Amino acid sequence: GSWLSVAKPLYNHNGVQVATVQLHENIDTKAYLETYLVNGILVTFIVGLFVALLFIEVINQQISYPLTELAHTAEQVSLRDLSARVELPEYFTNENGRLLPTSSLGSLMDTFNAMVEHLENDAREQRDFIAAITHDLRTPLTSILGFVTGMLDGTIPPELHERYLGIVQQEAVH
């Protein structure tokens, strides 16, 4: 076996060494080395596992958070909320807020936002078009209704009906 020895000098209040304490222990080098290696490897493995799990969780958050946000926004859009947009996390953008070219998931989110913006613009144009058509139809219909009501209630005398029916015909054609 091997011996492990430790010596410690003792001094009095004047700083003069008055004694030495020595401790000696017979150790089994092989058993000590095995215990040290097993404990060292086990601690290293546990620390490495913890670091790996932490790394996996960070990566998972960077992937799952954007996907959850994308799914939530897609649900809002499916319920006809075309003002909904996906917020790009900071790690997908540079200091100017522009999308990093290496981020596939960020690119998907950015493309989704562009698609929703196009849908919103198309819906706005469609509403404006329908409003314009409705207005264009309502103006001659109001005129036609006025002439027909006037003929039916007697405001327009029967001898003028033919003249006003000609006007109604022109309004209907145009």
N, C-alpha and C. Protein backbone atom coordinates (compact mmCIF):
# COMPACT_ATOMS: atom_id res chain seq x y z
N GLY A 1 0.80 -1.17 0.00
CA GLY A 1 0.00 0.00 0.00
C GLY A 1 0.85 1.25 0.00
N SER A 2 0.22 2.37 0.02
CA SER A 2 0.88 3.67 0.04
C SER A 2 0.43 4.40 1.29
N TRP A 3 1.27 5.34 1.67
CA TRP A 3 0.96 6.15 2.85
C TRP A 3 0.68 7.58 2.40
N LEU A 4 -0.33 8.15 3.06
CA LEU A 4 -0.64 9.57 2.87
C LEU A 4 -0.22 10.25 4.15
N SER A 5 0.70 11.21 4.07
CA SER A 5 1.22 11.88 5.26
C SER A 5 1.03 13.37 5.16
N VAL A 6 0.70 13.99 6.32
CA VAL A 6 0.55 15.43 6.40
C VAL A 6 1.26 15.87 7.66
N ALA A 7 2.06 16.95 7.57
CA ALA A 7 2.78 17.48 8.72
C ALA A 7 2.44 18.94 8.88
N LYS A 8 2.22 19.37 10.15
CA LYS A 8 1.85 20.77 10.42
C LYS A 8 2.66 21.25 11.63
N PRO A 9 3.52 22.26 11.43
CA PRO A 9 4.27 22.78 12.56
C PRO A 9 3.38 23.64 13.47
N LEU A 10 3.68 23.64 14.79
CA LEU A 10 2.95 24.47 15.76
C LEU A 10 3.92 25.49 16.35
N TYR A 11 3.46 26.73 16.49
CA TYR A 11 4.31 27.83 16.96
C TYR A 11 3.73 28.39 18.25
N ASN A 12 4.62 28.95 19.11
CA ASN A 12 4.14 29.62 20.32
C ASN A 12 3.85 31.08 20.01
N HIS A 13 3.49 31.85 21.03
CA HIS A 13 3.11 33.25 20.81
C HIS A 13 4.29 34.12 20.37
N ASN A 14 5.51 33.66 20.49
CA ASN A 14 6.68 34.40 20.02
C ASN A 14 7.06 34.03 18.59
N GLY A 15 6.31 33.08 18.00
CA GLY A 15 6.61 32.65 16.65
C GLY A 15 7.66 31.58 16.56
N VAL A 16 8.02 30.94 17.69
CA VAL A 16 9.03 29.89 17.70
C VAL A 16 8.31 28.55 17.57
N GLN A 17 8.80 27.68 16.66
CA GLN A 17 8.18 26.37 16.49
C GLN A 17 8.44 25.54 17.72
N VAL A 18 7.37 25.00 18.30
CA VAL A 18 7.50 24.21 19.52
C VAL A 18 7.19 22.74 19.30
N ALA A 19 6.47 22.44 18.19
CA ALA A 19 6.13 21.03 17.93
C ALA A 19 5.71 20.87 16.47
N THR A 20 5.60 19.63 16.07
CA THR A 20 5.09 19.30 14.74
C THR A 20 4.07 18.19 14.90
N VAL A 21 2.91 18.39 14.30
CA VAL A 21 1.87 17.35 14.32
C VAL A 21 1.95 16.63 12.98
N GLN A 22 2.02 15.31 13.04
CA GLN A 22 2.09 14.52 11.83
C GLN A 22 0.96 13.50 11.84
N LEU A 23 0.30 13.37 10.68
CA LEU A 23 -0.74 12.37 10.50
C LEU A 23 -0.33 11.49 9.35
N HIS A 24 -0.48 10.19 9.54
CA HIS A 24 -0.14 9.23 8.50
C HIS A 24 -1.29 8.26 8.36
N GLU A 25 -1.64 7.94 7.10
CA GLU A 25 -2.68 6.95 6.87
C GLU A 25 -2.27 6.05 5.73
N ASN A 26 -2.47 4.78 5.95
CA ASN A 26 -2.17 3.79 4.92
C ASN A 26 -3.38 3.77 3.98
N ILE A 27 -3.16 4.03 2.70
CA ILE A 27 -4.27 4.03 1.75
C ILE A 27 -4.03 2.99 0.69
N ASP A 28 -5.13 2.44 0.22
CA ASP A 28 -5.09 1.49 -0.89
C ASP A 28 -5.18 2.32 -2.16
N THR A 29 -4.07 2.47 -2.86
CA THR A 29 -4.00 3.34 -4.03
C THR A 29 -4.99 2.92 -5.10
N LYS A 30 -5.12 1.64 -5.31
CA LYS A 30 -6.02 1.15 -6.35
C LYS A 30 -7.47 1.50 -6.00
N ALA A 31 -7.89 1.26 -4.76
CA ALA A 31 -9.27 1.57 -4.35
C ALA A 31 -9.51 3.07 -4.39
N TYR A 32 -8.51 3.86 -3.94
CA TYR A 32 -8.63 5.32 -3.96
C TYR A 32 -8.78 5.83 -5.38
N LEU A 33 -7.97 5.30 -6.30
CA LEU A 33 -8.02 5.71 -7.70
C LEU A 33 -9.36 5.31 -8.32
N GLU A 34 -9.84 4.12 -8.03
CA GLU A 34 -11.14 3.68 -8.56
C GLU A 34 -12.26 4.60 -8.07
N THR A 35 -12.24 4.90 -6.77
CA THR A 35 -13.26 5.78 -6.20
C THR A 35 -13.18 7.16 -6.82
N TYR A 36 -11.97 7.69 -6.97
CA TYR A 36 -11.79 9.02 -7.56
C TYR A 36 -12.28 9.04 -9.01
N LEU A 37 -11.90 8.02 -9.78
CA LEU A 37 -12.31 7.98 -11.19
C LEU A 37 -13.82 7.80 -11.34
N VAL A 38 -14.40 6.89 -10.56
CA VAL A 38 -15.85 6.65 -10.65
C VAL A 38 -16.60 7.91 -10.25
N ASN A 39 -16.23 8.51 -9.13
CA ASN A 39 -16.90 9.74 -8.69
C ASN A 39 -16.65 10.88 -9.68
N GLY A 40 -15.44 10.99 -10.18
CA GLY A 40 -15.13 12.04 -11.15
C GLY A 40 -15.90 11.88 -12.44
N ILE A 41 -15.97 10.65 -12.94
CA ILE A 41 -16.71 10.40 -14.17
C ILE A 41 -18.20 10.60 -13.94
N LEU A 42 -18.71 10.16 -12.81
CA LEU A 42 -20.13 10.31 -12.51
C LEU A 42 -20.52 11.79 -12.40
N VAL A 43 -19.71 12.57 -11.70
CA VAL A 43 -19.98 14.00 -11.58
C VAL A 43 -19.90 14.67 -12.95
N THR A 44 -18.89 14.32 -13.72
CA THR A 44 -18.75 14.89 -15.06
C THR A 44 -19.94 14.53 -15.93
N PHE A 45 -20.38 13.26 -15.85
CA PHE A 45 -21.53 12.83 -16.63
C PHE A 45 -22.79 13.60 -16.23
N ILE A 46 -23.01 13.74 -14.94
CA ILE A 46 -24.21 14.45 -14.46
C ILE A 46 -24.17 15.91 -14.88
N VAL A 47 -23.03 16.57 -14.74
CA VAL A 47 -22.91 17.97 -15.17
C VAL A 47 -23.11 18.08 -16.68
N GLY A 48 -22.50 17.16 -17.43
CA GLY A 48 -22.66 17.17 -18.89
C GLY A 48 -24.11 16.94 -19.30
N LEU A 49 -24.78 16.03 -18.62
CA LEU A 49 -26.19 15.77 -18.90
C LEU A 49 -27.04 17.01 -18.61
N PHE A 50 -26.77 17.65 -17.49
CA PHE A 50 -27.51 18.87 -17.13
C PHE A 50 -27.29 19.97 -18.18
N VAL A 51 -26.06 20.16 -18.60
CA VAL A 51 -25.75 21.18 -19.62
C VAL A 51 -26.45 20.83 -20.94
N ALA A 52 -26.44 19.54 -21.31
CA ALA A 52 -27.09 19.11 -22.55
C ALA A 52 -28.60 19.35 -22.48
N LEU A 53 -29.22 19.02 -21.34
CA LEU A 53 -30.66 19.24 -21.18
C LEU A 53 -30.99 20.73 -21.22
N LEU A 54 -30.16 21.53 -20.61
CA LEU A 54 -30.36 22.98 -20.64
C LEU A 54 -30.26 23.50 -22.08
N PHE A 55 -29.27 23.03 -22.81
CA PHE A 55 -29.08 23.42 -24.21
C PHE A 55 -30.29 22.99 -25.05
N ILE A 56 -30.77 21.77 -24.84
CA ILE A 56 -31.94 21.28 -25.58
C ILE A 56 -33.16 22.14 -25.26
N GLU A 57 -33.34 22.53 -24.01
CA GLU A 57 -34.49 23.36 -23.63
C GLU A 57 -34.41 24.74 -24.29
N VAL A 58 -33.24 25.32 -24.35
CA VAL A 58 -33.08 26.63 -25.00
C VAL A 58 -33.40 26.52 -26.48
N ILE A 59 -32.88 25.50 -27.14
CA ILE A 59 -33.17 25.29 -28.56
C ILE A 59 -34.66 25.04 -28.76
N ASN A 60 -35.25 24.22 -27.89
CA ASN A 60 -36.68 23.93 -27.98
C ASN A 60 -37.50 25.21 -27.86
N GLN A 61 -37.13 26.08 -26.94
CA GLN A 61 -37.86 27.35 -26.77
C GLN A 61 -37.72 28.22 -28.01
N GLN A 62 -36.54 28.22 -28.61
CA GLN A 62 -36.34 29.04 -29.81
C GLN A 62 -37.13 28.52 -31.00
N ILE A 63 -37.49 27.25 -30.97
CA ILE A 63 -38.29 26.68 -32.06
C ILE A 63 -39.77 26.66 -31.71
N SER A 64 -40.11 26.20 -30.50
CA SER A 64 -41.52 26.03 -30.16
C SER A 64 -42.24 27.35 -29.95
N TYR A 65 -41.58 28.36 -29.38
CA TYR A 65 -42.26 29.65 -29.18
C TYR A 65 -42.71 30.27 -30.50
N PRO A 66 -41.82 30.37 -31.50
CA PRO A 66 -42.27 30.94 -32.78
C PRO A 66 -43.37 30.11 -33.44
N LEU A 67 -43.27 28.78 -33.35
CA LEU A 67 -44.30 27.94 -33.96
C LEU A 67 -45.64 28.11 -33.26
N THR A 68 -45.61 28.24 -31.94
CA THR A 68 -46.85 28.47 -31.19
C THR A 68 -47.45 29.81 -31.58
N GLU A 69 -46.62 30.84 -31.69
CA GLU A 69 -47.10 32.16 -32.10
C GLU A 69 -47.67 32.12 -33.53
N LEU A 70 -47.00 31.40 -34.41
CA LEU A 70 -47.45 31.27 -35.79
C LEU A 70 -48.81 30.57 -35.83
N ALA A 71 -48.98 29.50 -35.07
CA ALA A 71 -50.25 28.77 -35.02
C ALA A 71 -51.36 29.66 -34.47
N HIS A 72 -51.06 30.41 -33.41
CA HIS A 72 -52.06 31.30 -32.81
C HIS A 72 -52.49 32.38 -33.81
N THR A 73 -51.53 32.97 -34.49
CA THR A 73 -51.86 34.02 -35.47
C THR A 73 -52.63 33.44 -36.65
N ALA A 74 -52.26 32.23 -37.09
CA ALA A 74 -52.99 31.59 -38.19
C ALA A 74 -54.44 31.34 -37.79
N GLU A 75 -54.65 30.99 -36.53
CA GLU A 75 -56.03 30.78 -36.04
C GLU A 75 -56.81 32.10 -36.07
N GLN A 76 -56.16 33.20 -35.66
CA GLN A 76 -56.82 34.51 -35.71
C GLN A 76 -57.19 34.87 -37.15
N VAL A 77 -56.28 34.61 -38.08
CA VAL A 77 -56.55 34.92 -39.49
C VAL A 77 -57.70 34.06 -40.01
N SER A 78 -57.74 32.79 -39.59
CA SER A 78 -58.82 31.91 -40.04
C SER A 78 -60.18 32.38 -39.52
N LEU A 79 -60.16 33.14 -38.42
CA LEU A 79 -61.40 33.72 -37.88
C LEU A 79 -61.65 35.10 -38.46
N ARG A 80 -60.98 35.43 -39.56
CA ARG A 80 -61.15 36.66 -40.34
C ARG A 80 -60.55 37.91 -39.68
N ASP A 81 -59.61 37.72 -38.77
CA ASP A 81 -58.90 38.87 -38.20
C ASP A 81 -57.65 39.09 -39.04
N LEU A 82 -57.79 39.90 -40.08
CA LEU A 82 -56.66 40.12 -41.00
C LEU A 82 -55.67 41.16 -40.49
N SER A 83 -55.91 41.68 -39.29
CA SER A 83 -54.94 42.61 -38.70
C SER A 83 -53.90 41.85 -37.88
N ALA A 84 -54.09 40.55 -37.69
CA ALA A 84 -53.17 39.75 -36.87
C ALA A 84 -51.84 39.58 -37.59
N ARG A 85 -50.75 39.70 -36.83
CA ARG A 85 -49.41 39.49 -37.37
C ARG A 85 -48.60 38.69 -36.35
N VAL A 86 -47.62 37.94 -36.85
CA VAL A 86 -46.70 37.19 -35.99
C VAL A 86 -45.55 38.13 -35.61
N GLU A 87 -45.28 38.21 -34.33
CA GLU A 87 -44.13 39.02 -33.88
C GLU A 87 -42.86 38.19 -34.04
N LEU A 88 -41.88 38.75 -34.74
CA LEU A 88 -40.60 38.05 -34.91
C LEU A 88 -39.77 38.19 -33.64
N PRO A 89 -39.34 37.06 -33.03
CA PRO A 89 -38.46 37.15 -31.86
C PRO A 89 -37.15 37.86 -32.21
N GLU A 90 -36.53 38.46 -31.20
CA GLU A 90 -35.30 39.23 -31.40
C GLU A 90 -34.19 38.41 -32.04
N TYR A 91 -34.13 37.12 -31.72
CA TYR A 91 -33.02 36.31 -32.23
C TYR A 91 -33.18 35.98 -33.71
N PHE A 92 -34.28 36.41 -34.36
CA PHE A 92 -34.44 36.25 -35.80
C PHE A 92 -34.11 37.52 -36.56
N THR A 93 -33.80 38.60 -35.83
CA THR A 93 -33.57 39.89 -36.48
C THR A 93 -32.22 40.46 -36.08
N ASN A 94 -31.72 41.39 -36.90
CA ASN A 94 -30.48 42.08 -36.56
C ASN A 94 -30.81 43.32 -35.74
N GLU A 95 -29.80 44.16 -35.49
CA GLU A 95 -30.01 45.35 -34.64
C GLU A 95 -30.98 46.35 -35.26
N ASN A 96 -31.19 46.30 -36.58
CA ASN A 96 -32.12 47.21 -37.25
C ASN A 96 -33.53 46.64 -37.33
N GLY A 97 -33.73 45.43 -36.75
CA GLY A 97 -35.04 44.80 -36.79
C GLY A 97 -35.30 44.05 -38.09
N ARG A 98 -34.30 43.96 -38.95
CA ARG A 98 -34.45 43.25 -40.23
C ARG A 98 -34.19 41.76 -40.02
N LEU A 99 -34.89 40.94 -40.78
CA LEU A 99 -34.79 39.49 -40.66
C LEU A 99 -33.39 39.01 -41.03
N LEU A 100 -32.85 38.10 -40.20
CA LEU A 100 -31.55 37.49 -40.51
C LEU A 100 -31.73 36.51 -41.66
N PRO A 101 -30.83 36.51 -42.64
CA PRO A 101 -31.00 35.65 -43.81
C PRO A 101 -30.87 34.16 -43.50
N THR A 102 -30.28 33.79 -42.37
CA THR A 102 -30.05 32.39 -42.05
C THR A 102 -31.20 31.75 -41.29
N SER A 103 -32.23 32.50 -40.97
CA SER A 103 -33.30 32.00 -40.13
C SER A 103 -34.47 31.49 -40.98
N SER A 104 -34.56 30.17 -41.15
CA SER A 104 -35.64 29.59 -41.94
C SER A 104 -36.99 29.81 -41.26
N LEU A 105 -37.03 29.58 -39.95
CA LEU A 105 -38.28 29.77 -39.22
C LEU A 105 -38.68 31.24 -39.22
N GLY A 106 -37.72 32.13 -39.09
CA GLY A 106 -38.01 33.56 -39.16
C GLY A 106 -38.51 33.94 -40.55
N SER A 107 -37.93 33.33 -41.58
CA SER A 107 -38.37 33.59 -42.94
C SER A 107 -39.82 33.13 -43.14
N LEU A 108 -40.16 31.98 -42.57
CA LEU A 108 -41.54 31.48 -42.64
C LEU A 108 -42.50 32.47 -41.97
N MET A 109 -42.11 32.98 -40.81
CA MET A 109 -42.97 33.93 -40.09
C MET A 109 -43.11 35.23 -40.89
N ASP A 110 -42.02 35.69 -41.47
CA ASP A 110 -42.05 36.92 -42.26
C ASP A 110 -42.92 36.74 -43.50
N THR A 111 -42.81 35.59 -44.17
CA THR A 111 -43.64 35.30 -45.34
C THR A 111 -45.11 35.21 -44.96
N PHE A 112 -45.39 34.61 -43.81
CA PHE A 112 -46.77 34.52 -43.32
C PHE A 112 -47.35 35.92 -43.13
N ASN A 113 -46.57 36.80 -42.51
CA ASN A 113 -47.04 38.18 -42.30
C ASN A 113 -47.30 38.88 -43.63
N ALA A 114 -46.43 38.66 -44.62
CA ALA A 114 -46.62 39.28 -45.94
C ALA A 114 -47.89 38.75 -46.59
N MET A 115 -48.15 37.45 -46.45
CA MET A 115 -49.35 36.84 -47.02
C MET A 115 -50.61 37.44 -46.38
N VAL A 116 -50.61 37.59 -45.07
CA VAL A 116 -51.77 38.16 -44.38
C VAL A 116 -51.97 39.62 -44.79
N GLU A 117 -50.86 40.33 -44.98
CA GLU A 117 -50.97 41.73 -45.42
C GLU A 117 -51.60 41.81 -46.82
N HIS A 118 -51.22 40.89 -47.71
CA HIS A 118 -51.83 40.85 -49.05
C HIS A 118 -53.32 40.54 -48.95
N LEU A 119 -53.68 39.60 -48.08
CA LEU A 119 -55.10 39.26 -47.89
C LEU A 119 -55.87 40.48 -47.37
N GLU A 120 -55.25 41.19 -46.43
CA GLU A 120 -55.89 42.38 -45.86
C GLU A 120 -56.09 43.44 -46.94
N ASN A 121 -55.07 43.66 -47.77
CA ASN A 121 -55.19 44.65 -48.86
C ASN A 121 -56.26 44.22 -49.87
N ASP A 122 -56.29 42.93 -50.21
CA ASP A 122 -57.31 42.44 -51.15
C ASP A 122 -58.71 42.63 -50.58
N ALA A 123 -58.89 42.34 -49.29
CA ALA A 123 -60.21 42.51 -48.66
C ALA A 123 -60.61 43.98 -48.66
N ARG A 124 -59.66 44.88 -48.41
CA ARG A 124 -59.95 46.32 -48.42
C ARG A 124 -60.36 46.77 -49.82
N GLU A 125 -59.62 46.31 -50.83
CA GLU A 125 -59.96 46.66 -52.22
C GLU A 125 -61.33 46.11 -52.59
N GLN A 126 -61.64 44.91 -52.14
CA GLN A 126 -62.94 44.31 -52.43
C GLN A 126 -64.07 45.13 -51.78
N ARG A 127 -63.87 45.54 -50.52
CA ARG A 127 -64.88 46.38 -49.84
C ARG A 127 -65.07 47.71 -50.57
N ASP A 128 -63.97 48.32 -50.98
CA ASP A 128 -64.06 49.60 -51.71
C ASP A 128 -64.79 49.42 -53.04
N PHE A 129 -64.50 48.33 -53.74
CA PHE A 129 -65.14 48.05 -55.02
C PHE A 129 -66.65 47.85 -54.84
N ILE A 130 -67.02 47.07 -53.84
CA ILE A 130 -68.45 46.82 -53.58
C ILE A 130 -69.15 48.11 -53.19
N ALA A 131 -68.50 48.94 -52.39
CA ALA A 131 -69.09 50.22 -52.00
C ALA A 131 -69.30 51.11 -53.22
N ALA A 132 -68.34 51.13 -54.14
CA ALA A 132 -68.46 51.96 -55.35
C ALA A 132 -69.58 51.44 -56.23
N ILE A 133 -69.66 50.12 -56.41
CA ILE A 133 -70.73 49.52 -57.24
C ILE A 133 -72.09 49.79 -56.61
N THR A 134 -72.19 49.63 -55.31
CA THR A 134 -73.45 49.88 -54.61
C THR A 134 -73.89 51.32 -54.81
N HIS A 135 -72.95 52.24 -54.69
CA HIS A 135 -73.27 53.66 -54.88
C HIS A 135 -73.73 53.91 -56.32
N ASP A 136 -72.99 53.31 -57.29
CA ASP A 136 -73.34 53.52 -58.70
C ASP A 136 -74.71 52.93 -59.04
N LEU A 137 -75.07 51.83 -58.38
CA LEU A 137 -76.39 51.24 -58.62
C LEU A 137 -77.50 52.00 -57.91
N ARG A 138 -77.20 52.48 -56.72
CA ARG A 138 -78.21 53.13 -55.91
C ARG A 138 -78.68 54.44 -56.54
N THR A 139 -77.82 55.21 -57.16
CA THR A 139 -78.18 56.51 -57.72
C THR A 139 -79.25 56.38 -58.81
N PRO A 140 -79.07 55.53 -59.85
CA PRO A 140 -80.15 55.42 -60.84
C PRO A 140 -81.40 54.73 -60.28
N LEU A 141 -81.21 53.79 -59.36
CA LEU A 141 -82.39 53.13 -58.77
C LEU A 141 -83.23 54.12 -57.98
N THR A 142 -82.60 55.04 -57.30
CA THR A 142 -83.34 56.06 -56.56
C THR A 142 -84.15 56.92 -57.52
N SER A 143 -83.54 57.28 -58.64
CA SER A 143 -84.23 58.10 -59.65
C SER A 143 -85.41 57.32 -60.25
N ILE A 144 -85.17 56.05 -60.60
CA ILE A 144 -86.23 55.21 -61.19
C ILE A 144 -87.38 55.05 -60.20
N LEU A 145 -87.03 54.77 -58.93
CA LEU A 145 -88.06 54.61 -57.91
C LEU A 145 -88.88 55.88 -57.75
N GLY A 146 -88.24 57.02 -57.82
CA GLY A 146 -88.96 58.30 -57.69
C GLY A 146 -89.96 58.50 -58.82
N PHE A 147 -89.53 58.23 -60.06
CA PHE A 147 -90.45 58.41 -61.21
C PHE A 147 -91.62 57.42 -61.15
N VAL A 148 -91.34 56.13 -60.83
CA VAL A 148 -92.39 55.12 -60.77
C VAL A 148 -93.37 55.45 -59.65
N THR A 149 -92.87 55.86 -58.49
CA THR A 149 -93.75 56.23 -57.37
C THR A 149 -94.61 57.42 -57.76
N GLY A 150 -94.02 58.39 -58.42
CA GLY A 150 -94.77 59.56 -58.86
C GLY A 150 -95.87 59.20 -59.84
N MET A 151 -95.62 58.23 -60.74
CA MET A 151 -96.64 57.80 -61.70
C MET A 151 -97.75 57.03 -60.98
N LEU A 152 -97.38 56.20 -60.03
CA LEU A 152 -98.38 55.38 -59.34
C LEU A 152 -99.24 56.18 -58.38
N ASP A 153 -98.66 57.17 -57.70
CA ASP A 153 -99.47 57.94 -56.74
C ASP A 153 -100.16 59.15 -57.37
N GLY A 154 -99.97 59.34 -58.68
CA GLY A 154 -100.67 60.40 -59.37
C GLY A 154 -99.96 61.72 -59.39
N THR A 155 -98.79 61.82 -58.78
CA THR A 155 -98.04 63.07 -58.81
C THR A 155 -97.68 63.41 -60.25
N ILE A 156 -97.31 62.40 -61.03
CA ILE A 156 -97.03 62.60 -62.46
C ILE A 156 -98.33 62.22 -63.21
N PRO A 157 -98.92 63.14 -63.94
CA PRO A 157 -100.18 62.85 -64.64
C PRO A 157 -99.98 61.83 -65.76
N PRO A 158 -101.04 61.05 -66.10
CA PRO A 158 -100.93 59.98 -67.10
C PRO A 158 -100.43 60.46 -68.45
N GLU A 159 -100.72 61.70 -68.85
CA GLU A 159 -100.25 62.15 -70.16
C GLU A 159 -98.73 62.32 -70.22
N LEU A 160 -98.03 62.39 -69.01
CA LEU A 160 -96.56 62.51 -68.97
C LEU A 160 -95.87 61.16 -68.71
N HIS A 161 -96.65 60.10 -68.50
CA HIS A 161 -96.06 58.78 -68.19
C HIS A 161 -95.08 58.33 -69.26
N GLU A 162 -95.43 58.49 -70.51
CA GLU A 162 -94.56 58.01 -71.58
C GLU A 162 -93.21 58.72 -71.54
N ARG A 163 -93.25 60.02 -71.30
CA ARG A 163 -92.01 60.80 -71.22
C ARG A 163 -91.14 60.29 -70.06
N TYR A 164 -91.75 60.11 -68.88
CA TYR A 164 -90.98 59.68 -67.70
C TYR A 164 -90.55 58.22 -67.80
N LEU A 165 -91.32 57.37 -68.49
CA LEU A 165 -90.90 55.99 -68.73
C LEU A 165 -89.66 55.96 -69.63
N GLY A 166 -89.56 56.92 -70.55
CA GLY A 166 -88.36 57.05 -71.38
C GLY A 166 -87.15 57.38 -70.52
N ILE A 167 -87.34 58.29 -69.53
CA ILE A 167 -86.23 58.64 -68.62
C ILE A 167 -85.84 57.42 -67.79
N VAL A 168 -86.86 56.68 -67.29
CA VAL A 168 -86.60 55.47 -66.49
C VAL A 168 -85.80 54.47 -67.33
N GLN A 169 -86.18 54.32 -68.59
CA GLN A 169 -85.46 53.39 -69.49
C GLN A 169 -84.01 53.80 -69.65
N GLN A 170 -83.76 55.10 -69.84
CA GLN A 170 -82.39 55.60 -69.98
C GLN A 170 -81.59 55.35 -68.69
N GLU A 171 -82.19 55.57 -67.51
CA GLU A 171 -81.50 55.34 -66.23
C GLU A 171 -81.14 53.87 -66.07
N ALA A 172 -82.05 52.98 -66.49
CA ALA A 172 -81.82 51.54 -66.37
C ALA A 172 -80.71 51.07 -67.29
N VAL A 173 -80.61 51.68 -68.49
CA VAL A 173 -79.58 51.28 -69.45
C VAL A 173 -78.21 51.77 -68.98
N HIS A 174 -78.15 52.95 -68.45
CA HIS A 174 -76.87 53.52 -68.04
C HIS A 174 -76.61 53.17 -66.63
